[in-house]
N, C-alpha and C. Protein backbone atom coordinates (compact mmCIF):
# COMPACT_ATOMS: atom_id res chain seq x y z
N MET A 1 5.09 7.01 -20.09
CA MET A 1 4.85 6.26 -18.88
C MET A 1 4.82 5.29 -18.21
N ALA A 2 5.54 4.56 -18.38
CA ALA A 2 4.44 3.07 -17.63
C ALA A 2 4.55 3.05 -16.24
N LYS A 3 3.68 2.92 -14.97
CA LYS A 3 4.17 3.05 -13.69
C LYS A 3 5.43 1.89 -13.71
N LYS A 4 5.99 1.55 -12.99
CA LYS A 4 6.71 0.41 -12.13
C LYS A 4 6.42 -0.36 -10.92
N ARG A 5 6.25 -0.91 -10.77
CA ARG A 5 5.28 -1.71 -9.57
C ARG A 5 6.28 -2.63 -8.87
N TYR A 6 6.73 -2.22 -7.31
CA TYR A 6 7.37 -2.68 -6.59
C TYR A 6 6.78 -3.85 -5.67
N ALA A 7 7.75 -5.00 -5.55
CA ALA A 7 6.87 -6.19 -3.86
C ALA A 7 7.36 -5.25 -2.89
N PRO A 8 6.82 -5.06 -1.83
CA PRO A 8 7.31 -5.00 -0.63
C PRO A 8 8.44 -5.16 -0.05
N GLU A 9 8.81 -6.16 -0.55
CA GLU A 9 9.84 -6.80 -0.37
C GLU A 9 11.54 -5.75 -0.38
N GLN A 10 11.01 -5.87 -2.31
CA GLN A 10 11.63 -4.90 -2.64
C GLN A 10 11.69 -3.24 -2.14
N ILE A 11 10.58 -2.86 -2.59
CA ILE A 11 10.66 -1.59 -1.51
C ILE A 11 11.74 -1.08 -0.39
N ILE A 12 11.78 -2.84 0.40
CA ILE A 12 11.53 -2.59 2.15
C ILE A 12 13.58 -2.84 1.60
N ASN A 13 14.12 -3.61 0.55
CA ASN A 13 15.06 -3.56 0.09
C ASN A 13 15.71 -2.06 -0.16
N LYS A 14 15.31 -1.62 -0.84
CA LYS A 14 15.87 -0.09 -1.68
C LYS A 14 15.49 0.52 -0.35
N LEU A 15 15.03 0.91 0.82
CA LEU A 15 14.60 1.88 1.75
C LEU A 15 15.58 1.69 2.65
N ARG A 16 16.60 0.46 2.58
CA ARG A 16 17.59 0.16 3.88
C ARG A 16 19.06 0.40 2.88
N LYS A 17 18.42 0.16 1.42
CA LYS A 17 20.32 1.35 0.92
C LYS A 17 19.91 2.21 1.00
N THR A 18 19.26 2.84 0.68
CA THR A 18 19.58 3.92 1.07
C THR A 18 19.29 4.61 2.20
N GLU A 19 18.94 3.64 3.56
CA GLU A 19 19.20 4.41 5.12
C GLU A 19 21.35 3.90 4.50
N ILE A 20 21.06 2.97 4.67
CA ILE A 20 22.98 2.88 3.95
C ILE A 20 24.31 4.40 3.98
N LEU A 21 23.33 4.45 2.55
CA LEU A 21 24.33 5.46 2.34
C LEU A 21 23.50 6.25 2.23
N LEU A 22 22.71 6.59 3.20
CA LEU A 22 22.45 8.12 4.47
C LEU A 22 23.55 8.34 5.27
N SER A 23 23.35 7.08 6.27
CA SER A 23 24.63 7.09 7.12
C SER A 23 26.18 7.50 6.26
N GLN A 24 26.11 6.52 5.34
CA GLN A 24 27.31 7.72 4.24
C GLN A 24 27.98 8.81 4.16
N GLY A 25 26.96 9.28 4.72
CA GLY A 25 26.54 11.21 3.60
C GLY A 25 26.48 11.80 2.83
N ALA A 26 25.82 10.68 2.35
CA ALA A 26 25.01 11.50 1.28
C ALA A 26 23.61 11.68 1.65
N THR A 27 23.58 12.92 0.55
CA THR A 27 22.23 13.23 1.33
C THR A 27 20.71 12.73 0.12
N ILE A 28 19.98 13.09 0.79
CA ILE A 28 18.54 12.35 0.24
C ILE A 28 18.20 12.67 -0.90
N ALA A 29 18.23 13.40 -1.49
CA ALA A 29 18.25 13.54 -3.21
C ALA A 29 19.31 12.92 -3.72
N VAL A 30 20.88 12.20 -2.91
CA VAL A 30 21.96 11.58 -4.00
C VAL A 30 20.80 10.14 -3.66
N ALA A 31 21.30 9.85 -2.69
CA ALA A 31 20.22 7.82 -2.08
C ALA A 31 19.09 8.27 -3.13
N SER A 32 18.26 9.07 -3.21
CA SER A 32 17.45 8.60 -3.91
C SER A 32 17.25 8.08 -4.82
N LYS A 33 17.78 9.04 -5.56
CA LYS A 33 18.36 8.80 -6.83
C LYS A 33 19.16 7.54 -7.59
N ARG A 34 20.37 7.57 -5.92
CA ARG A 34 20.86 6.08 -7.04
C ARG A 34 20.23 4.85 -6.52
N ILE A 35 18.48 4.78 -5.90
CA ILE A 35 18.12 4.33 -6.02
C ILE A 35 16.85 4.15 -7.14
N GLY A 36 16.85 4.84 -7.36
CA GLY A 36 15.52 5.10 -8.46
C GLY A 36 15.10 5.58 -8.84
N VAL A 37 14.56 6.10 -6.86
CA VAL A 37 12.94 7.04 -7.14
C VAL A 37 13.29 8.54 -6.59
N SER A 38 12.14 8.99 -6.41
CA SER A 38 12.33 11.01 -6.49
C SER A 38 11.95 11.06 -5.11
N ASP A 39 12.60 12.58 -4.48
CA ASP A 39 12.33 12.65 -3.28
C ASP A 39 11.42 11.87 -2.70
N HIS A 40 10.17 12.35 -3.00
CA HIS A 40 8.71 12.57 -3.04
C HIS A 40 9.03 11.08 -3.29
N THR A 41 8.90 9.95 -3.89
CA THR A 41 8.28 9.01 -3.70
C THR A 41 8.75 8.20 -2.16
N TYR A 42 10.67 8.25 -1.90
CA TYR A 42 11.41 8.22 -1.06
C TYR A 42 10.39 8.37 -0.22
N TYR A 43 10.35 9.24 0.74
CA TYR A 43 9.09 10.04 1.82
C TYR A 43 7.80 9.10 1.77
N ARG A 44 7.73 8.66 0.74
CA ARG A 44 6.26 8.36 1.03
C ARG A 44 6.04 6.86 1.14
N ARG A 45 7.00 6.53 0.73
CA ARG A 45 7.27 4.59 0.50
C ARG A 45 7.99 4.64 2.14
N ARG A 46 8.91 5.72 2.33
CA ARG A 46 9.44 5.55 4.46
C ARG A 46 8.37 5.81 5.03
N LYS A 47 6.96 6.36 4.63
CA LYS A 47 6.29 6.32 5.65
C LYS A 47 5.17 5.78 6.13
N GLU A 48 5.33 5.05 4.01
CA GLU A 48 4.46 3.39 4.84
C GLU A 48 5.34 2.21 5.38
N TYR A 49 6.55 1.81 4.39
CA TYR A 49 7.18 1.20 5.09
C TYR A 49 8.42 1.58 6.14
N GLY A 50 9.03 2.43 6.56
CA GLY A 50 9.51 2.65 7.52
C GLY A 50 9.94 1.81 8.32
N GLY A 51 10.90 0.59 9.32
CA GLY A 51 10.53 0.42 10.27
C GLY A 51 10.21 -1.33 10.49
N MET A 52 9.28 -0.84 8.97
CA MET A 52 8.82 -2.73 8.94
C MET A 52 10.32 -3.73 8.33
N GLY A 53 9.64 -4.74 8.06
CA GLY A 53 10.32 -6.16 8.31
C GLY A 53 10.02 -6.28 7.03
N VAL A 54 10.60 -7.70 6.51
CA VAL A 54 10.03 -8.38 5.50
C VAL A 54 8.60 -8.75 5.16
N GLY A 55 8.33 -9.35 6.51
CA GLY A 55 7.20 -10.32 6.67
C GLY A 55 6.34 -9.10 7.43
N GLN A 56 6.25 -8.87 7.84
CA GLN A 56 5.35 -8.02 8.51
C GLN A 56 4.82 -7.00 6.90
N ALA A 57 5.16 -6.11 5.73
CA ALA A 57 5.31 -6.22 4.89
C ALA A 57 4.23 -6.59 3.70
N ARG A 58 5.01 -7.80 3.78
CA ARG A 58 3.95 -8.94 2.89
C ARG A 58 2.22 -8.67 3.59
N ARG A 59 2.43 -8.85 4.73
CA ARG A 59 0.95 -9.44 5.95
C ARG A 59 -0.11 -8.00 6.13
N LEU A 60 1.09 -7.12 5.82
CA LEU A 60 0.54 -5.53 5.86
C LEU A 60 -0.57 -6.50 5.03
N LYS A 61 0.10 -6.27 2.85
CA LYS A 61 -0.47 -6.14 2.18
C LYS A 61 -1.58 -7.22 1.95
N GLU A 62 -1.72 -8.66 2.43
CA GLU A 62 -2.57 -9.38 3.03
C GLU A 62 -3.61 -8.96 3.26
N LEU A 63 -3.12 -8.25 3.96
CA LEU A 63 -4.66 -7.39 5.65
C LEU A 63 -4.78 -6.55 4.92
N GLU A 64 -4.40 -5.48 3.55
CA GLU A 64 -4.88 -5.11 3.19
C GLU A 64 -5.97 -5.78 1.81
N GLN A 65 -5.64 -6.25 1.45
CA GLN A 65 -6.43 -6.71 0.05
C GLN A 65 -7.76 -7.55 0.83
N GLU A 66 -7.68 -8.40 1.60
CA GLU A 66 -8.74 -8.52 2.55
C GLU A 66 -10.00 -8.11 2.80
N ASN A 67 -9.72 -6.47 3.48
CA ASN A 67 -9.92 -5.58 3.64
C ASN A 67 -10.73 -5.01 2.51
N SER A 68 -10.76 -5.38 1.16
CA SER A 68 -11.02 -4.58 0.18
C SER A 68 -11.87 -5.82 -0.04
N ARG A 69 -11.43 -6.87 -0.40
CA ARG A 69 -12.62 -8.21 -0.71
C ARG A 69 -13.93 -8.11 0.82
N LEU A 70 -13.59 -8.02 1.59
CA LEU A 70 -14.29 -8.05 3.24
C LEU A 70 -15.82 -6.58 2.88
N ARG A 71 -14.97 -5.34 2.47
CA ARG A 71 -16.23 -4.63 2.14
C ARG A 71 -16.48 -4.64 0.87
N LYS A 72 -16.55 -4.48 -0.29
CA LYS A 72 -17.16 -5.25 -0.92
C LYS A 72 -17.69 -6.20 -0.75
N LEU A 73 -17.96 -7.18 -0.06
CA LEU A 73 -19.09 -8.20 0.17
C LEU A 73 -20.20 -7.50 1.12
N VAL A 74 -19.30 -6.42 2.40
CA VAL A 74 -20.42 -5.36 2.43
C VAL A 74 -21.37 -4.42 2.13
N ALA A 75 -20.71 -4.01 1.11
CA ALA A 75 -21.51 -3.51 -0.16
C ALA A 75 -22.96 -4.04 -0.44
N ASP A 76 -22.52 -4.97 -1.38
CA ASP A 76 -23.23 -6.46 -2.00
C ASP A 76 -24.04 -6.71 -1.22
N LEU A 77 -24.52 -7.07 0.95
CA LEU A 77 -25.30 -7.77 1.58
C LEU A 77 -26.15 -6.04 1.61
N SER A 78 -24.92 -5.24 1.76
CA SER A 78 -26.51 -3.95 1.44
C SER A 78 -26.66 -3.62 0.74
N LEU A 79 -26.51 -4.01 0.64
CA LEU A 79 -27.67 -3.16 -1.44
C LEU A 79 -28.86 -4.59 -1.67
N ASP A 80 -28.14 -6.01 -1.43
CA ASP A 80 -29.12 -6.77 -1.33
C ASP A 80 -30.65 -6.87 -0.31
N ASN A 81 -29.96 -6.47 1.02
CA ASN A 81 -30.35 -6.18 1.99
C ASN A 81 -32.16 -4.66 1.97
N ALA A 82 -31.19 -3.80 0.87
CA ALA A 82 -32.06 -3.10 0.27
C ALA A 82 -33.09 -3.24 -0.80
N ILE A 83 -33.08 -4.04 -1.35
CA ILE A 83 -33.67 -4.82 -2.77
C ILE A 83 -35.01 -5.35 -1.86
N LEU A 84 -34.28 -6.33 -0.87
CA LEU A 84 -35.43 -6.99 0.21
C LEU A 84 -36.57 -5.82 0.86
N LYS A 85 -35.68 -5.13 1.12
CA LYS A 85 -37.05 -4.58 1.78
C LYS A 85 -37.68 -3.84 1.37
N GLU A 86 -37.18 -2.93 -0.09
CA GLU A 86 -38.16 -2.19 -1.09
C GLU A 86 -38.57 -3.44 -1.38
N ALA A 87 -38.82 -4.96 -1.46
CA ALA A 87 -39.79 -5.39 -2.12
C ALA A 87 -40.61 -6.31 -1.62
N SER A 88 -40.05 -5.55 0.33
CA SER A 88 -41.51 -6.09 1.13
C SER A 88 -42.70 -5.48 1.86
N ARG A 89 -42.44 -4.18 1.46
CA ARG A 89 -43.42 -2.90 1.21
C ARG A 89 -44.41 -3.08 -0.14
N GLY A 90 -43.92 -4.01 -0.91
CA GLY A 90 -44.61 -3.88 -1.94
C GLY A 90 -44.71 -2.48 -2.48
N ASN A 91 -43.94 -1.40 -3.23
CA ASN A 91 -44.27 -0.38 -3.53
C ASN A 91 -44.40 0.13 -4.99
N PHE A 92 -44.77 -1.51 -5.81
CA PHE A 92 -43.96 -0.85 -6.87
C PHE A 92 -45.00 -0.84 -7.22
């Protein structure tokens, strides 16, 4: 079965619906089933997105993507630097 990917906005909206259901007296198992996720997924998403606004979630994802891009760039530059050092020693 293929995984469903939800946008951060959708996750936050589902968490808000779950909070409403919980305030109405539903259990976590029932509330998470109504939004279509497992209990584990609910807790994981609440840990990551709990108390966050939609704008903050978008910014978080943008920063994670930028961080990933910069890590790749640093890795490439470090490799280039190591190659140049090896070539300058004349160890071939």
